[in-house]
Amino acid sequence: MKKILFVGVMGFGLVGCATSPDMQHASSPLNEVAQVVEIEGYSKDQLFESSKIWMAKVFNSSNNVVQYADKNTGSIIGKGNIQYPCSGFMDCEAFGRDVVNFTIKIDTKDSRARVAFSDISRKPLTYVKGGLNTNIGRDVPIMQIKQQQQVKTKMESIIQQYKQDIINQKSDSNW
């Protein structure tokens, strides 16, 4: 009876492992997420200044984020990070404290801006396993398809927030 119960429990455990979600690896890491945002009625200079304000608000201090800003070309380049956008219990337990690092570039023209995230990597939480520090906090490329989709979706939502905030900045100026 104990053997049957043992085999049943082991079989149930193996079925649970067999039905776990796929951790499929992509053929290449997530390199870039970019989108052109149409914002009618804005000049290149207005979009440039509004973009600098947006970066200061989103990243708490644009001085620490902005690496390069040229009003003549309408380009802003900065470094930033976001919390890894986990979903579900297992994903959040494994990766919920990780950080996604990136370079952000905003190019402005009259009535539009291109927002591009590049150099995208994940910085796992440093942890100790068996008395050894197995991860020294180094950046790793995002190679799993599910993680790439989650990070891409989060970055696309940041771009939509950018557009909405730029529009709100103009409406807030009428006080």
N, C-alpha and C. Protein backbone atom coordinates (compact mmCIF):
# COMPACT_ATOMS: atom_id res chain seq x y z
N MET A 1 0.82 -1.19 0.00
CA MET A 1 0.00 0.00 0.00
C MET A 1 0.87 1.26 0.00
N LYS A 2 1.96 1.23 0.80
CA LYS A 2 2.86 2.38 0.86
C LYS A 2 3.53 2.61 -0.49
N LYS A 3 3.87 1.49 -1.17
CA LYS A 3 4.52 1.62 -2.47
C LYS A 3 3.56 2.24 -3.48
N ILE A 4 2.32 1.82 -3.45
CA ILE A 4 1.33 2.37 -4.39
C ILE A 4 1.12 3.86 -4.12
N LEU A 5 1.02 4.21 -2.86
CA LEU A 5 0.86 5.61 -2.49
C LEU A 5 2.09 6.42 -2.92
N PHE A 6 3.28 5.87 -2.71
CA PHE A 6 4.52 6.55 -3.11
C PHE A 6 4.56 6.76 -4.62
N VAL A 7 4.23 5.72 -5.38
CA VAL A 7 4.22 5.81 -6.84
C VAL A 7 3.18 6.84 -7.29
N GLY A 8 2.04 6.85 -6.63
CA GLY A 8 0.99 7.82 -6.98
C GLY A 8 1.44 9.25 -6.75
N VAL A 9 2.07 9.52 -5.62
CA VAL A 9 2.56 10.86 -5.31
C VAL A 9 3.66 11.26 -6.30
N MET A 10 4.58 10.36 -6.59
CA MET A 10 5.65 10.66 -7.55
C MET A 10 5.08 10.91 -8.94
N GLY A 11 4.12 10.10 -9.34
CA GLY A 11 3.50 10.28 -10.65
C GLY A 11 2.79 11.61 -10.75
N PHE A 12 2.09 11.99 -9.69
CA PHE A 12 1.40 13.27 -9.66
C PHE A 12 2.41 14.43 -9.76
N GLY A 13 3.54 14.29 -9.07
CA GLY A 13 4.58 15.31 -9.12
C GLY A 13 5.19 15.45 -10.50
N LEU A 14 5.40 14.33 -11.17
CA LEU A 14 5.97 14.37 -12.52
C LEU A 14 4.99 14.97 -13.51
N VAL A 15 3.71 14.69 -13.34
CA VAL A 15 2.70 15.29 -14.22
C VAL A 15 2.71 16.80 -14.03
N GLY A 16 2.87 17.25 -12.78
CA GLY A 16 2.94 18.68 -12.51
C GLY A 16 4.13 19.33 -13.20
N CYS A 17 5.26 18.64 -13.22
CA CYS A 17 6.44 19.17 -13.91
C CYS A 17 6.25 19.18 -15.41
N ALA A 18 5.57 18.18 -15.92
CA ALA A 18 5.37 18.09 -17.37
C ALA A 18 4.43 19.17 -17.88
N THR A 19 3.55 19.66 -17.02
CA THR A 19 2.61 20.67 -17.46
C THR A 19 3.05 22.09 -17.11
N SER A 20 4.29 22.25 -16.62
CA SER A 20 4.77 23.60 -16.31
C SER A 20 4.95 24.38 -17.61
N PRO A 21 4.85 25.71 -17.54
CA PRO A 21 4.95 26.50 -18.76
C PRO A 21 6.32 26.35 -19.41
N ASP A 22 6.31 26.46 -20.73
CA ASP A 22 7.56 26.36 -21.47
C ASP A 22 8.46 27.55 -21.17
N MET A 23 9.72 27.26 -21.05
CA MET A 23 10.72 28.30 -20.91
C MET A 23 11.56 28.28 -22.19
N GLN A 24 10.90 28.57 -23.29
CA GLN A 24 11.55 28.50 -24.59
C GLN A 24 12.54 29.65 -24.74
N HIS A 25 13.69 29.32 -25.28
CA HIS A 25 14.72 30.32 -25.51
C HIS A 25 14.57 30.89 -26.91
N ALA A 26 14.77 32.18 -27.03
CA ALA A 26 14.73 32.86 -28.31
C ALA A 26 16.07 32.67 -29.01
N SER A 27 16.08 32.85 -30.31
CA SER A 27 17.32 32.70 -31.06
C SER A 27 18.26 33.89 -30.84
N SER A 28 17.70 35.03 -30.43
CA SER A 28 18.53 36.21 -30.15
C SER A 28 17.93 36.97 -28.97
N PRO A 29 18.75 37.73 -28.26
CA PRO A 29 18.23 38.48 -27.11
C PRO A 29 17.35 39.64 -27.57
N LEU A 30 16.56 40.15 -26.65
CA LEU A 30 15.75 41.34 -26.91
C LEU A 30 16.69 42.53 -27.00
N ASN A 31 16.81 43.10 -28.20
CA ASN A 31 17.77 44.18 -28.41
C ASN A 31 17.15 45.57 -28.40
N GLU A 32 15.96 45.70 -29.02
CA GLU A 32 15.39 47.04 -29.16
C GLU A 32 13.88 46.99 -29.20
N VAL A 33 13.27 48.00 -28.59
CA VAL A 33 11.84 48.24 -28.68
C VAL A 33 11.71 49.71 -29.06
N ALA A 34 11.09 49.99 -30.20
CA ALA A 34 10.98 51.37 -30.68
C ALA A 34 9.59 51.62 -31.25
N GLN A 35 9.17 52.86 -31.15
CA GLN A 35 7.86 53.23 -31.67
C GLN A 35 7.87 54.72 -31.98
N VAL A 36 7.22 55.09 -33.09
CA VAL A 36 7.05 56.50 -33.44
C VAL A 36 5.71 56.96 -32.89
N VAL A 37 5.74 58.08 -32.18
CA VAL A 37 4.54 58.62 -31.55
C VAL A 37 4.14 59.90 -32.28
N GLU A 38 2.91 59.93 -32.79
CA GLU A 38 2.39 61.11 -33.48
C GLU A 38 1.70 62.01 -32.45
N ILE A 39 2.16 63.26 -32.34
CA ILE A 39 1.56 64.23 -31.43
C ILE A 39 1.37 65.52 -32.21
N GLU A 40 0.17 65.71 -32.72
CA GLU A 40 -0.12 66.86 -33.58
C GLU A 40 -0.05 68.17 -32.81
N GLY A 41 0.41 69.21 -33.51
CA GLY A 41 0.41 70.55 -32.94
C GLY A 41 1.62 70.90 -32.09
N TYR A 42 2.66 70.08 -32.13
CA TYR A 42 3.87 70.34 -31.35
C TYR A 42 5.04 70.58 -32.29
N SER A 43 5.84 71.58 -31.98
CA SER A 43 7.08 71.78 -32.75
C SER A 43 8.15 70.85 -32.19
N LYS A 44 9.25 70.76 -32.93
CA LYS A 44 10.37 69.92 -32.48
C LYS A 44 10.89 70.39 -31.12
N ASP A 45 11.01 71.71 -30.95
CA ASP A 45 11.53 72.25 -29.69
C ASP A 45 10.57 71.99 -28.52
N GLN A 46 9.26 72.11 -28.77
CA GLN A 46 8.29 71.82 -27.71
C GLN A 46 8.36 70.36 -27.29
N LEU A 47 8.45 69.47 -28.26
CA LEU A 47 8.56 68.04 -27.94
C LEU A 47 9.86 67.73 -27.21
N PHE A 48 10.94 68.39 -27.62
CA PHE A 48 12.23 68.18 -26.96
C PHE A 48 12.15 68.56 -25.49
N GLU A 49 11.65 69.76 -25.20
CA GLU A 49 11.56 70.23 -23.81
C GLU A 49 10.58 69.38 -23.01
N SER A 50 9.46 69.03 -23.60
CA SER A 50 8.48 68.19 -22.91
C SER A 50 9.05 66.80 -22.63
N SER A 51 9.87 66.30 -23.54
CA SER A 51 10.50 64.99 -23.34
C SER A 51 11.49 65.02 -22.19
N LYS A 52 12.23 66.12 -22.06
CA LYS A 52 13.15 66.24 -20.92
C LYS A 52 12.38 66.29 -19.60
N ILE A 53 11.26 66.99 -19.59
CA ILE A 53 10.42 67.05 -18.39
C ILE A 53 9.87 65.66 -18.08
N TRP A 54 9.43 64.94 -19.11
CA TRP A 54 8.90 63.58 -18.91
C TRP A 54 9.97 62.68 -18.30
N MET A 55 11.20 62.76 -18.81
CA MET A 55 12.27 61.92 -18.27
C MET A 55 12.55 62.26 -16.81
N ALA A 56 12.49 63.54 -16.46
CA ALA A 56 12.72 63.94 -15.07
C ALA A 56 11.62 63.38 -14.16
N LYS A 57 10.39 63.36 -14.65
CA LYS A 57 9.28 62.86 -13.83
C LYS A 57 9.29 61.34 -13.72
N VAL A 58 9.53 60.66 -14.82
CA VAL A 58 9.45 59.20 -14.83
C VAL A 58 10.64 58.57 -14.12
N PHE A 59 11.82 59.12 -14.32
CA PHE A 59 13.03 58.53 -13.75
C PHE A 59 13.52 59.28 -12.51
N ASN A 60 12.66 60.11 -11.92
CA ASN A 60 12.90 60.84 -10.68
C ASN A 60 13.94 61.95 -10.79
N SER A 61 14.95 61.80 -11.62
CA SER A 61 15.94 62.85 -11.80
C SER A 61 16.53 62.72 -13.20
N SER A 62 16.22 63.67 -14.06
CA SER A 62 16.76 63.57 -15.42
C SER A 62 18.26 63.78 -15.43
N ASN A 63 18.82 64.44 -14.40
CA ASN A 63 20.27 64.62 -14.35
C ASN A 63 21.00 63.29 -14.24
N ASN A 64 20.42 62.34 -13.55
CA ASN A 64 21.05 61.03 -13.41
C ASN A 64 20.75 60.13 -14.60
N VAL A 65 19.74 60.46 -15.37
CA VAL A 65 19.31 59.61 -16.48
C VAL A 65 19.87 60.11 -17.81
N VAL A 66 19.71 61.39 -18.09
CA VAL A 66 20.08 61.95 -19.39
C VAL A 66 21.60 61.97 -19.53
N GLN A 67 22.09 61.28 -20.55
CA GLN A 67 23.52 61.24 -20.85
C GLN A 67 23.89 62.24 -21.94
N TYR A 68 22.92 62.55 -22.80
CA TYR A 68 23.17 63.42 -23.94
C TYR A 68 21.85 64.08 -24.33
N ALA A 69 21.88 65.37 -24.58
CA ALA A 69 20.70 66.10 -25.05
C ALA A 69 21.17 67.21 -25.98
N ASP A 70 20.67 67.20 -27.21
CA ASP A 70 21.03 68.20 -28.20
C ASP A 70 19.75 68.78 -28.80
N LYS A 71 19.47 70.04 -28.48
CA LYS A 71 18.24 70.67 -28.95
C LYS A 71 18.24 70.84 -30.46
N ASN A 72 19.41 71.05 -31.07
CA ASN A 72 19.48 71.25 -32.52
C ASN A 72 19.02 70.01 -33.28
N THR A 73 19.48 68.85 -32.84
CA THR A 73 19.08 67.61 -33.52
C THR A 73 17.79 67.05 -32.94
N GLY A 74 17.40 67.51 -31.76
CA GLY A 74 16.18 67.02 -31.12
C GLY A 74 16.35 65.65 -30.50
N SER A 75 17.57 65.31 -30.12
CA SER A 75 17.85 63.97 -29.57
C SER A 75 18.16 64.03 -28.08
N ILE A 76 17.61 63.06 -27.37
CA ILE A 76 17.90 62.87 -25.95
C ILE A 76 18.26 61.40 -25.78
N ILE A 77 19.38 61.13 -25.11
CA ILE A 77 19.79 59.76 -24.84
C ILE A 77 20.01 59.64 -23.34
N GLY A 78 19.50 58.57 -22.77
CA GLY A 78 19.65 58.37 -21.34
C GLY A 78 19.74 56.90 -20.98
N LYS A 79 20.12 56.65 -19.76
CA LYS A 79 20.16 55.29 -19.20
C LYS A 79 19.10 55.21 -18.13
N GLY A 80 18.41 54.08 -18.09
CA GLY A 80 17.38 53.92 -17.09
C GLY A 80 17.17 52.46 -16.76
N ASN A 81 16.24 52.21 -15.84
CA ASN A 81 15.87 50.85 -15.51
C ASN A 81 14.45 50.82 -14.98
N ILE A 82 13.85 49.65 -15.07
CA ILE A 82 12.51 49.42 -14.54
C ILE A 82 12.54 48.10 -13.78
N GLN A 83 11.57 47.93 -12.92
CA GLN A 83 11.42 46.64 -12.24
C GLN A 83 10.98 45.62 -13.28
N TYR A 84 11.50 44.40 -13.19
CA TYR A 84 11.11 43.36 -14.14
C TYR A 84 9.60 43.15 -14.05
N PRO A 85 8.89 43.18 -15.18
CA PRO A 85 7.43 43.06 -15.17
C PRO A 85 6.97 41.60 -15.09
N CYS A 86 7.03 41.02 -13.91
CA CYS A 86 6.67 39.61 -13.74
C CYS A 86 5.16 39.43 -13.79
N SER A 87 4.74 38.19 -14.05
CA SER A 87 3.32 37.86 -14.03
C SER A 87 3.17 36.45 -13.49
N GLY A 88 2.30 36.30 -12.52
CA GLY A 88 2.08 34.98 -11.94
C GLY A 88 3.00 34.72 -10.76
N PHE A 89 2.60 33.79 -9.94
CA PHE A 89 3.32 33.50 -8.70
C PHE A 89 4.75 33.04 -8.96
N MET A 90 4.94 32.03 -9.80
CA MET A 90 6.29 31.48 -10.02
C MET A 90 7.22 32.51 -10.66
N ASP A 91 6.71 33.24 -11.63
CA ASP A 91 7.52 34.24 -12.32
C ASP A 91 7.95 35.34 -11.35
N CYS A 92 7.02 35.80 -10.52
CA CYS A 92 7.33 36.87 -9.57
C CYS A 92 8.25 36.38 -8.45
N GLU A 93 8.11 35.13 -8.04
CA GLU A 93 9.01 34.60 -7.02
C GLU A 93 10.44 34.46 -7.56
N ALA A 94 10.56 34.04 -8.82
CA ALA A 94 11.88 33.82 -9.40
C ALA A 94 12.55 35.12 -9.86
N PHE A 95 11.77 36.03 -10.46
CA PHE A 95 12.37 37.20 -11.11
C PHE A 95 11.81 38.53 -10.63
N GLY A 96 10.91 38.53 -9.66
CA GLY A 96 10.21 39.74 -9.24
C GLY A 96 11.08 40.86 -8.71
N ARG A 97 12.25 40.56 -8.22
CA ARG A 97 13.14 41.60 -7.69
C ARG A 97 14.22 42.00 -8.69
N ASP A 98 14.18 41.41 -9.87
CA ASP A 98 15.17 41.75 -10.89
C ASP A 98 14.87 43.13 -11.48
N VAL A 99 15.89 43.71 -12.10
CA VAL A 99 15.78 45.02 -12.72
C VAL A 99 16.13 44.88 -14.19
N VAL A 100 15.39 45.57 -15.05
CA VAL A 100 15.68 45.60 -16.48
C VAL A 100 16.37 46.94 -16.78
N ASN A 101 17.61 46.87 -17.24
CA ASN A 101 18.39 48.06 -17.60
C ASN A 101 18.26 48.32 -19.09
N PHE A 102 18.36 49.59 -19.49
CA PHE A 102 18.23 49.93 -20.91
C PHE A 102 18.81 51.30 -21.17
N THR A 103 19.01 51.58 -22.46
CA THR A 103 19.32 52.92 -22.95
C THR A 103 18.07 53.41 -23.65
N ILE A 104 17.65 54.63 -23.35
CA ILE A 104 16.47 55.20 -24.01
C ILE A 104 16.92 56.36 -24.88
N LYS A 105 16.38 56.41 -26.08
CA LYS A 105 16.68 57.51 -27.00
C LYS A 105 15.37 58.07 -27.51
N ILE A 106 15.23 59.39 -27.40
CA ILE A 106 14.04 60.07 -27.92
C ILE A 106 14.52 61.05 -28.98
N ASP A 107 14.04 60.85 -30.20
CA ASP A 107 14.32 61.76 -31.31
C ASP A 107 13.04 62.53 -31.61
N THR A 108 13.13 63.86 -31.66
CA THR A 108 11.94 64.67 -31.88
C THR A 108 12.00 65.37 -33.23
N LYS A 109 10.84 65.46 -33.84
CA LYS A 109 10.61 66.24 -35.06
C LYS A 109 9.28 66.94 -34.87
N ASP A 110 8.92 67.80 -35.80
CA ASP A 110 7.62 68.46 -35.69
C ASP A 110 6.50 67.42 -35.70
N SER A 111 5.67 67.46 -34.69
CA SER A 111 4.47 66.63 -34.53
C SER A 111 4.73 65.14 -34.32
N ARG A 112 5.97 64.74 -34.07
CA ARG A 112 6.22 63.32 -33.78
C ARG A 112 7.54 63.13 -33.05
N ALA A 113 7.60 62.01 -32.37
CA ALA A 113 8.81 61.63 -31.64
C ALA A 113 9.00 60.13 -31.78
N ARG A 114 10.25 59.72 -31.87
CA ARG A 114 10.56 58.29 -31.88
C ARG A 114 11.21 57.96 -30.54
N VAL A 115 10.59 57.02 -29.83
CA VAL A 115 11.10 56.57 -28.54
C VAL A 115 11.65 55.17 -28.75
N ALA A 116 12.93 54.97 -28.43
CA ALA A 116 13.58 53.67 -28.65
C ALA A 116 14.32 53.24 -27.39
N PHE A 117 14.06 52.01 -26.98
CA PHE A 117 14.80 51.37 -25.89
C PHE A 117 15.79 50.40 -26.53
N SER A 118 17.06 50.49 -26.15
CA SER A 118 18.07 49.57 -26.68
C SER A 118 18.99 49.13 -25.53
N ASP A 119 19.95 48.28 -25.85
CA ASP A 119 20.87 47.73 -24.83
C ASP A 119 20.09 47.17 -23.64
N ILE A 120 19.06 46.40 -23.94
CA ILE A 120 18.15 45.89 -22.91
C ILE A 120 18.77 44.65 -22.27
N SER A 121 18.85 44.67 -20.95
CA SER A 121 19.38 43.52 -20.21
C SER A 121 18.67 43.42 -18.87
N ARG A 122 18.77 42.25 -18.27
CA ARG A 122 18.15 42.00 -16.96
C ARG A 122 19.26 41.82 -15.94
N LYS A 123 19.11 42.48 -14.80
CA LYS A 123 20.08 42.34 -13.72
C LYS A 123 19.42 41.54 -12.61
N PRO A 124 19.76 40.24 -12.50
CA PRO A 124 19.14 39.41 -11.47
C PRO A 124 19.58 39.81 -10.07
N LEU A 125 18.72 39.55 -9.13
CA LEU A 125 19.03 39.77 -7.73
C LEU A 125 20.21 38.89 -7.33
N THR A 126 21.17 39.44 -6.63
CA THR A 126 22.30 38.66 -6.14
C THR A 126 21.81 37.73 -5.03
N TYR A 127 22.20 36.48 -5.12
CA TYR A 127 21.77 35.51 -4.11
C TYR A 127 22.91 34.55 -3.81
N VAL A 128 22.81 33.90 -2.65
CA VAL A 128 23.83 32.95 -2.21
C VAL A 128 23.22 31.56 -2.25
N LYS A 129 23.94 30.62 -2.85
CA LYS A 129 23.47 29.24 -2.95
C LYS A 129 24.60 28.33 -2.48
N GLY A 130 24.36 27.59 -1.43
CA GLY A 130 25.37 26.69 -0.90
C GLY A 130 26.60 27.40 -0.40
N GLY A 131 26.43 28.61 0.12
CA GLY A 131 27.56 29.36 0.66
C GLY A 131 28.34 30.12 -0.39
N LEU A 132 27.95 30.01 -1.66
CA LEU A 132 28.65 30.71 -2.74
C LEU A 132 27.73 31.75 -3.36
N ASN A 133 28.29 32.89 -3.68
CA ASN A 133 27.53 33.91 -4.38
C ASN A 133 27.48 33.50 -5.85
N THR A 134 26.32 32.99 -6.29
CA THR A 134 26.22 32.44 -7.64
C THR A 134 25.91 33.49 -8.69
N ASN A 135 25.53 34.67 -8.26
CA ASN A 135 25.26 35.73 -9.22
C ASN A 135 25.81 37.02 -8.64
N ILE A 136 26.76 37.59 -9.29
CA ILE A 136 27.44 38.77 -8.76
C ILE A 136 26.78 40.04 -9.31
N GLY A 137 25.50 39.98 -9.60
CA GLY A 137 24.78 41.15 -10.05
C GLY A 137 25.15 41.62 -11.44
N ARG A 138 25.52 40.72 -12.30
CA ARG A 138 25.90 41.12 -13.66
C ARG A 138 24.66 41.17 -14.55
N ASP A 139 24.71 41.99 -15.56
CA ASP A 139 23.61 42.07 -16.51
C ASP A 139 23.63 40.86 -17.42
N VAL A 140 22.45 40.31 -17.68
CA VAL A 140 22.33 39.16 -18.57
C VAL A 140 21.32 39.51 -19.66
N PRO A 141 21.53 39.01 -20.87
CA PRO A 141 20.56 39.27 -21.93
C PRO A 141 19.24 38.56 -21.65
N ILE A 142 18.17 39.11 -22.16
CA ILE A 142 16.85 38.51 -21.98
C ILE A 142 16.64 37.54 -23.13
N MET A 143 16.73 36.25 -22.83
CA MET A 143 16.71 35.21 -23.87
C MET A 143 15.43 34.38 -23.89
N GLN A 144 14.64 34.39 -22.84
CA GLN A 144 13.42 33.58 -22.84
C GLN A 144 12.30 34.35 -23.53
N ILE A 145 11.57 33.66 -24.38
CA ILE A 145 10.52 34.30 -25.19
C ILE A 145 9.48 34.97 -24.30
N LYS A 146 9.04 34.29 -23.25
CA LYS A 146 8.02 34.87 -22.37
C LYS A 146 8.54 36.15 -21.71
N GLN A 147 9.78 36.15 -21.26
CA GLN A 147 10.35 37.35 -20.64
C GLN A 147 10.48 38.48 -21.66
N GLN A 148 10.87 38.14 -22.89
CA GLN A 148 10.97 39.16 -23.93
C GLN A 148 9.62 39.81 -24.19
N GLN A 149 8.56 38.99 -24.25
CA GLN A 149 7.22 39.52 -24.48
C GLN A 149 6.77 40.42 -23.34
N GLN A 150 7.06 40.01 -22.10
CA GLN A 150 6.66 40.82 -20.95
C GLN A 150 7.39 42.16 -20.92
N VAL A 151 8.68 42.14 -21.18
CA VAL A 151 9.47 43.37 -21.16
C VAL A 151 9.05 44.27 -22.33
N LYS A 152 8.83 43.69 -23.50
CA LYS A 152 8.41 44.48 -24.66
C LYS A 152 7.06 45.14 -24.40
N THR A 153 6.12 44.40 -23.82
CA THR A 153 4.81 44.95 -23.50
C THR A 153 4.93 46.10 -22.51
N LYS A 154 5.77 45.94 -21.49
CA LYS A 154 5.97 47.00 -20.49
C LYS A 154 6.57 48.24 -21.14
N MET A 155 7.55 48.06 -22.02
CA MET A 155 8.18 49.21 -22.67
C MET A 155 7.22 49.91 -23.62
N GLU A 156 6.39 49.14 -24.30
CA GLU A 156 5.37 49.75 -25.16
C GLU A 156 4.37 50.55 -24.34
N SER A 157 4.05 50.08 -23.14
CA SER A 157 3.13 50.84 -22.28
C SER A 157 3.81 52.12 -21.78
N ILE A 158 5.12 52.08 -21.55
CA ILE A 158 5.85 53.29 -21.16
C ILE A 158 5.81 54.31 -22.29
N ILE A 159 5.92 53.85 -23.53
CA ILE A 159 5.84 54.76 -24.68
C ILE A 159 4.45 55.40 -24.76
N GLN A 160 3.40 54.63 -24.50
CA GLN A 160 2.05 55.19 -24.49
C GLN A 160 1.87 56.20 -23.35
N GLN A 161 2.49 55.90 -22.20
CA GLN A 161 2.45 56.85 -21.08
C GLN A 161 3.19 58.14 -21.45
N TYR A 162 4.28 57.99 -22.21
CA TYR A 162 5.03 59.15 -22.69
C TYR A 162 4.12 60.05 -23.52
N LYS A 163 3.42 59.47 -24.48
CA LYS A 163 2.52 60.24 -25.35
C LYS A 163 1.45 60.94 -24.51
N GLN A 164 0.84 60.22 -23.60
CA GLN A 164 -0.23 60.80 -22.78
C GLN A 164 0.31 61.93 -21.90
N ASP A 165 1.50 61.75 -21.35
CA ASP A 165 2.07 62.78 -20.49
C ASP A 165 2.43 64.04 -21.27
N ILE A 166 2.93 63.88 -22.48
CA ILE A 166 3.27 65.04 -23.32
C ILE A 166 2.00 65.84 -23.60
N ILE A 167 0.92 65.15 -23.93
CA ILE A 167 -0.36 65.83 -24.19
C ILE A 167 -0.87 66.51 -22.92
N ASN A 168 -0.74 65.84 -21.78
CA ASN A 168 -1.20 66.43 -20.51
C ASN A 168 -0.36 67.64 -20.11
N GLN A 169 0.92 67.66 -20.46
CA GLN A 169 1.76 68.81 -20.14
C GLN A 169 1.24 70.07 -20.81
N LYS A 170 0.78 69.94 -22.06
CA LYS A 170 0.27 71.10 -22.79
C LYS A 170 -1.03 71.58 -22.16
N SER A 171 -1.90 70.65 -21.77
CA SER A 171 -3.17 71.06 -21.16
C SER A 171 -2.96 71.63 -19.76
N ASP A 172 -1.92 71.19 -19.06
CA ASP A 172 -1.63 71.71 -17.72
C ASP A 172 -1.05 73.12 -17.75
N SER A 173 -0.59 73.57 -18.91
CA SER A 173 0.03 74.89 -18.99
C SER A 173 -1.02 76.01 -19.00
N ASN A 174 -2.29 75.67 -19.14
CA ASN A 174 -3.36 76.68 -19.15
C ASN A 174 -3.93 76.85 -17.75
N TRP A 175 -3.21 77.46 -16.89
CA TRP A 175 -3.70 77.69 -15.53
C TRP A 175 -3.77 79.14 -15.34
